[in-house]
Amino acid sequence: MSERDQMTIDMVKNLALLLMEREPSLSMEQALSIVINSDTYQRLLDDRTRLYYQSPRYVFSFLDSELKTGAIK
């Protein structure tokens, strides 16, 4: 597994944990599903964005915006 892959996996886990922190009723499976089915996740996978190098809270701000508005802003 490459360093990039590991960083991406860690970011997904951290985003799911942040979702669960904000919404305690979510299970880990539900939180992971939300992250993986988001546009934010697609951007995380795009090597050009290098989002996996950013802090989880910074990337979470994109996910949070997407969940609230339906689009990344």
N, C-alpha and C. Protein backbone atom coordinates (compact mmCIF):
# COMPACT_ATOMS: atom_id res chain seq x y z
N MET A 1 0.85 -1.18 0.00
CA MET A 1 0.00 0.00 0.00
C MET A 1 0.89 1.24 0.00
N SER A 2 0.55 2.18 -0.85
CA SER A 2 1.36 3.40 -0.95
C SER A 2 1.03 4.35 0.21
N GLU A 3 1.90 5.30 0.38
CA GLU A 3 1.70 6.32 1.42
C GLU A 3 0.42 7.11 1.13
N ARG A 4 0.20 7.42 -0.14
CA ARG A 4 -1.00 8.16 -0.53
C ARG A 4 -2.26 7.37 -0.19
N ASP A 5 -2.26 6.08 -0.48
CA ASP A 5 -3.41 5.23 -0.16
C ASP A 5 -3.67 5.21 1.34
N GLN A 6 -2.61 5.08 2.12
CA GLN A 6 -2.76 5.05 3.58
C GLN A 6 -3.30 6.38 4.10
N MET A 7 -2.80 7.49 3.55
CA MET A 7 -3.29 8.81 3.97
C MET A 7 -4.76 8.99 3.60
N THR A 8 -5.16 8.47 2.45
CA THR A 8 -6.55 8.56 2.03
C THR A 8 -7.45 7.75 2.95
N ILE A 9 -7.03 6.54 3.27
CA ILE A 9 -7.80 5.69 4.19
C ILE A 9 -7.93 6.35 5.56
N ASP A 10 -6.84 6.91 6.06
CA ASP A 10 -6.89 7.60 7.35
C ASP A 10 -7.83 8.80 7.30
N MET A 11 -7.82 9.52 6.19
CA MET A 11 -8.70 10.68 6.06
C MET A 11 -10.17 10.25 6.07
N VAL A 12 -10.49 9.19 5.36
CA VAL A 12 -11.87 8.69 5.32
C VAL A 12 -12.31 8.30 6.73
N LYS A 13 -11.45 7.60 7.45
CA LYS A 13 -11.76 7.20 8.83
C LYS A 13 -11.99 8.43 9.69
N ASN A 14 -11.12 9.42 9.58
CA ASN A 14 -11.25 10.63 10.39
C ASN A 14 -12.50 11.43 10.03
N LEU A 15 -12.85 11.48 8.76
CA LEU A 15 -14.08 12.17 8.36
C LEU A 15 -15.30 11.46 8.94
N ALA A 16 -15.29 10.14 8.92
CA ALA A 16 -16.41 9.37 9.51
C ALA A 16 -16.50 9.63 11.01
N LEU A 17 -15.35 9.67 11.69
CA LEU A 17 -15.36 9.95 13.12
C LEU A 17 -15.88 11.35 13.42
N LEU A 18 -15.51 12.32 12.60
CA LEU A 18 -16.01 13.68 12.79
C LEU A 18 -17.52 13.75 12.56
N LEU A 19 -18.01 12.99 11.57
CA LEU A 19 -19.47 12.93 11.36
C LEU A 19 -20.17 12.34 12.58
N MET A 20 -19.59 11.28 13.13
CA MET A 20 -20.18 10.63 14.30
C MET A 20 -20.11 11.54 15.52
N GLU A 21 -19.08 12.35 15.61
CA GLU A 21 -18.97 13.30 16.72
C GLU A 21 -20.07 14.35 16.62
N ARG A 22 -20.33 14.79 15.40
CA ARG A 22 -21.38 15.80 15.18
C ARG A 22 -22.77 15.20 15.31
N GLU A 23 -22.93 13.96 14.87
CA GLU A 23 -24.23 13.28 14.90
C GLU A 23 -24.07 11.93 15.60
N PRO A 24 -24.17 11.92 16.93
CA PRO A 24 -23.90 10.70 17.70
C PRO A 24 -24.78 9.50 17.36
N SER A 25 -25.91 9.71 16.71
CA SER A 25 -26.79 8.58 16.40
C SER A 25 -26.28 7.76 15.20
N LEU A 26 -25.30 8.27 14.46
CA LEU A 26 -24.76 7.54 13.31
C LEU A 26 -23.86 6.40 13.76
N SER A 27 -23.99 5.28 13.08
CA SER A 27 -23.06 4.18 13.30
C SER A 27 -21.84 4.42 12.42
N MET A 28 -20.77 3.67 12.66
CA MET A 28 -19.57 3.81 11.83
C MET A 28 -19.89 3.46 10.38
N GLU A 29 -20.70 2.42 10.15
CA GLU A 29 -21.06 2.04 8.80
C GLU A 29 -21.81 3.16 8.09
N GLN A 30 -22.75 3.79 8.79
CA GLN A 30 -23.51 4.89 8.20
C GLN A 30 -22.60 6.07 7.87
N ALA A 31 -21.73 6.40 8.80
CA ALA A 31 -20.81 7.53 8.59
C ALA A 31 -19.87 7.25 7.42
N LEU A 32 -19.33 6.04 7.35
CA LEU A 32 -18.45 5.68 6.24
C LEU A 32 -19.21 5.74 4.91
N SER A 33 -20.45 5.28 4.91
CA SER A 33 -21.26 5.31 3.70
C SER A 33 -21.48 6.75 3.23
N ILE A 34 -21.75 7.64 4.15
CA ILE A 34 -21.95 9.05 3.80
C ILE A 34 -20.68 9.61 3.18
N VAL A 35 -19.55 9.34 3.80
CA VAL A 35 -18.28 9.85 3.28
C VAL A 35 -18.00 9.28 1.90
N ILE A 36 -18.10 7.97 1.75
CA ILE A 36 -17.72 7.31 0.51
C ILE A 36 -18.65 7.68 -0.65
N ASN A 37 -19.87 8.03 -0.35
CA ASN A 37 -20.84 8.40 -1.40
C ASN A 37 -20.89 9.90 -1.66
N SER A 38 -19.93 10.64 -1.15
CA SER A 38 -19.94 12.10 -1.29
C SER A 38 -19.04 12.57 -2.42
N ASP A 39 -19.30 13.78 -2.90
CA ASP A 39 -18.42 14.42 -3.87
C ASP A 39 -17.07 14.74 -3.21
N THR A 40 -17.09 15.01 -1.92
CA THR A 40 -15.85 15.28 -1.20
C THR A 40 -14.92 14.08 -1.30
N TYR A 41 -15.46 12.89 -1.20
CA TYR A 41 -14.65 11.67 -1.33
C TYR A 41 -14.05 11.57 -2.74
N GLN A 42 -14.83 11.90 -3.73
CA GLN A 42 -14.32 11.87 -5.11
C GLN A 42 -13.17 12.85 -5.28
N ARG A 43 -13.28 14.00 -4.65
CA ARG A 43 -12.19 14.98 -4.69
C ARG A 43 -10.98 14.49 -3.91
N LEU A 44 -11.23 13.78 -2.83
CA LEU A 44 -10.14 13.21 -2.04
C LEU A 44 -9.36 12.19 -2.88
N LEU A 45 -10.05 11.44 -3.70
CA LEU A 45 -9.40 10.45 -4.56
C LEU A 45 -8.64 11.06 -5.73
N ASP A 46 -9.00 12.28 -6.08
CA ASP A 46 -8.35 12.97 -7.20
C ASP A 46 -6.97 13.46 -6.74
N ASP A 47 -5.94 12.86 -7.28
CA ASP A 47 -4.58 13.18 -6.85
C ASP A 47 -4.22 14.64 -7.06
N ARG A 48 -4.88 15.29 -8.01
CA ARG A 48 -4.56 16.70 -8.29
C ARG A 48 -4.94 17.62 -7.13
N THR A 49 -5.95 17.24 -6.33
CA THR A 49 -6.39 18.10 -5.23
C THR A 49 -5.47 18.01 -4.02
N ARG A 50 -4.84 16.85 -3.86
CA ARG A 50 -3.95 16.59 -2.72
C ARG A 50 -4.67 16.83 -1.37
N LEU A 51 -5.97 16.59 -1.34
CA LEU A 51 -6.73 16.79 -0.10
C LEU A 51 -6.26 15.87 1.01
N TYR A 52 -5.71 14.72 0.67
CA TYR A 52 -5.25 13.79 1.70
C TYR A 52 -4.10 14.36 2.52
N TYR A 53 -3.46 15.43 2.05
CA TYR A 53 -2.40 16.10 2.81
C TYR A 53 -2.94 17.12 3.81
N GLN A 54 -4.20 17.46 3.67
CA GLN A 54 -4.80 18.49 4.53
C GLN A 54 -5.26 17.90 5.86
N SER A 55 -5.64 18.79 6.77
CA SER A 55 -6.13 18.31 8.06
C SER A 55 -7.55 17.76 7.89
N PRO A 56 -7.91 16.77 8.70
CA PRO A 56 -9.27 16.22 8.60
C PRO A 56 -10.36 17.27 8.80
N ARG A 57 -10.15 18.21 9.71
CA ARG A 57 -11.18 19.24 9.94
C ARG A 57 -11.34 20.15 8.73
N TYR A 58 -10.25 20.42 8.03
CA TYR A 58 -10.33 21.24 6.82
C TYR A 58 -11.15 20.50 5.75
N VAL A 59 -10.84 19.23 5.52
CA VAL A 59 -11.58 18.45 4.53
C VAL A 59 -13.03 18.26 4.98
N PHE A 60 -13.22 18.12 6.29
CA PHE A 60 -14.58 17.97 6.82
C PHE A 60 -15.43 19.21 6.51
N SER A 61 -14.80 20.38 6.47
CA SER A 61 -15.56 21.59 6.15
C SER A 61 -16.20 21.49 4.77
N PHE A 62 -15.51 20.84 3.81
CA PHE A 62 -16.08 20.61 2.49
C PHE A 62 -17.24 19.62 2.56
N LEU A 63 -17.04 18.54 3.30
CA LEU A 63 -18.09 17.54 3.46
C LEU A 63 -19.31 18.14 4.15
N ASP A 64 -19.07 18.91 5.20
CA ASP A 64 -20.16 19.54 5.94
C ASP A 64 -20.95 20.47 5.03
N SER A 65 -20.26 21.27 4.25
CA SER A 65 -20.93 22.18 3.31
C SER A 65 -21.74 21.39 2.29
N GLU A 66 -21.14 20.31 1.79
CA GLU A 66 -21.84 19.47 0.81
C GLU A 66 -23.11 18.87 1.41
N LEU A 67 -23.03 18.40 2.63
CA LEU A 67 -24.20 17.78 3.27
C LEU A 67 -25.29 18.80 3.56
N LYS A 68 -24.89 20.03 3.88
CA LYS A 68 -25.88 21.07 4.20
C LYS A 68 -26.51 21.68 2.96
N THR A 69 -25.73 21.83 1.88
CA THR A 69 -26.23 22.54 0.71
C THR A 69 -26.41 21.65 -0.52
N GLY A 70 -25.86 20.47 -0.48
CA GLY A 70 -25.94 19.59 -1.64
C GLY A 70 -24.83 19.80 -2.65
N ALA A 71 -23.92 20.73 -2.33
CA ALA A 71 -22.80 21.01 -3.24
C ALA A 71 -21.60 21.47 -2.43
N ILE A 72 -20.43 21.23 -2.97
CA ILE A 72 -19.21 21.71 -2.32
C ILE A 72 -19.02 23.17 -2.68
N LYS A 73 -18.75 23.98 -1.66
CA LYS A 73 -18.54 25.41 -1.91
C LYS A 73 -17.20 25.82 -1.39
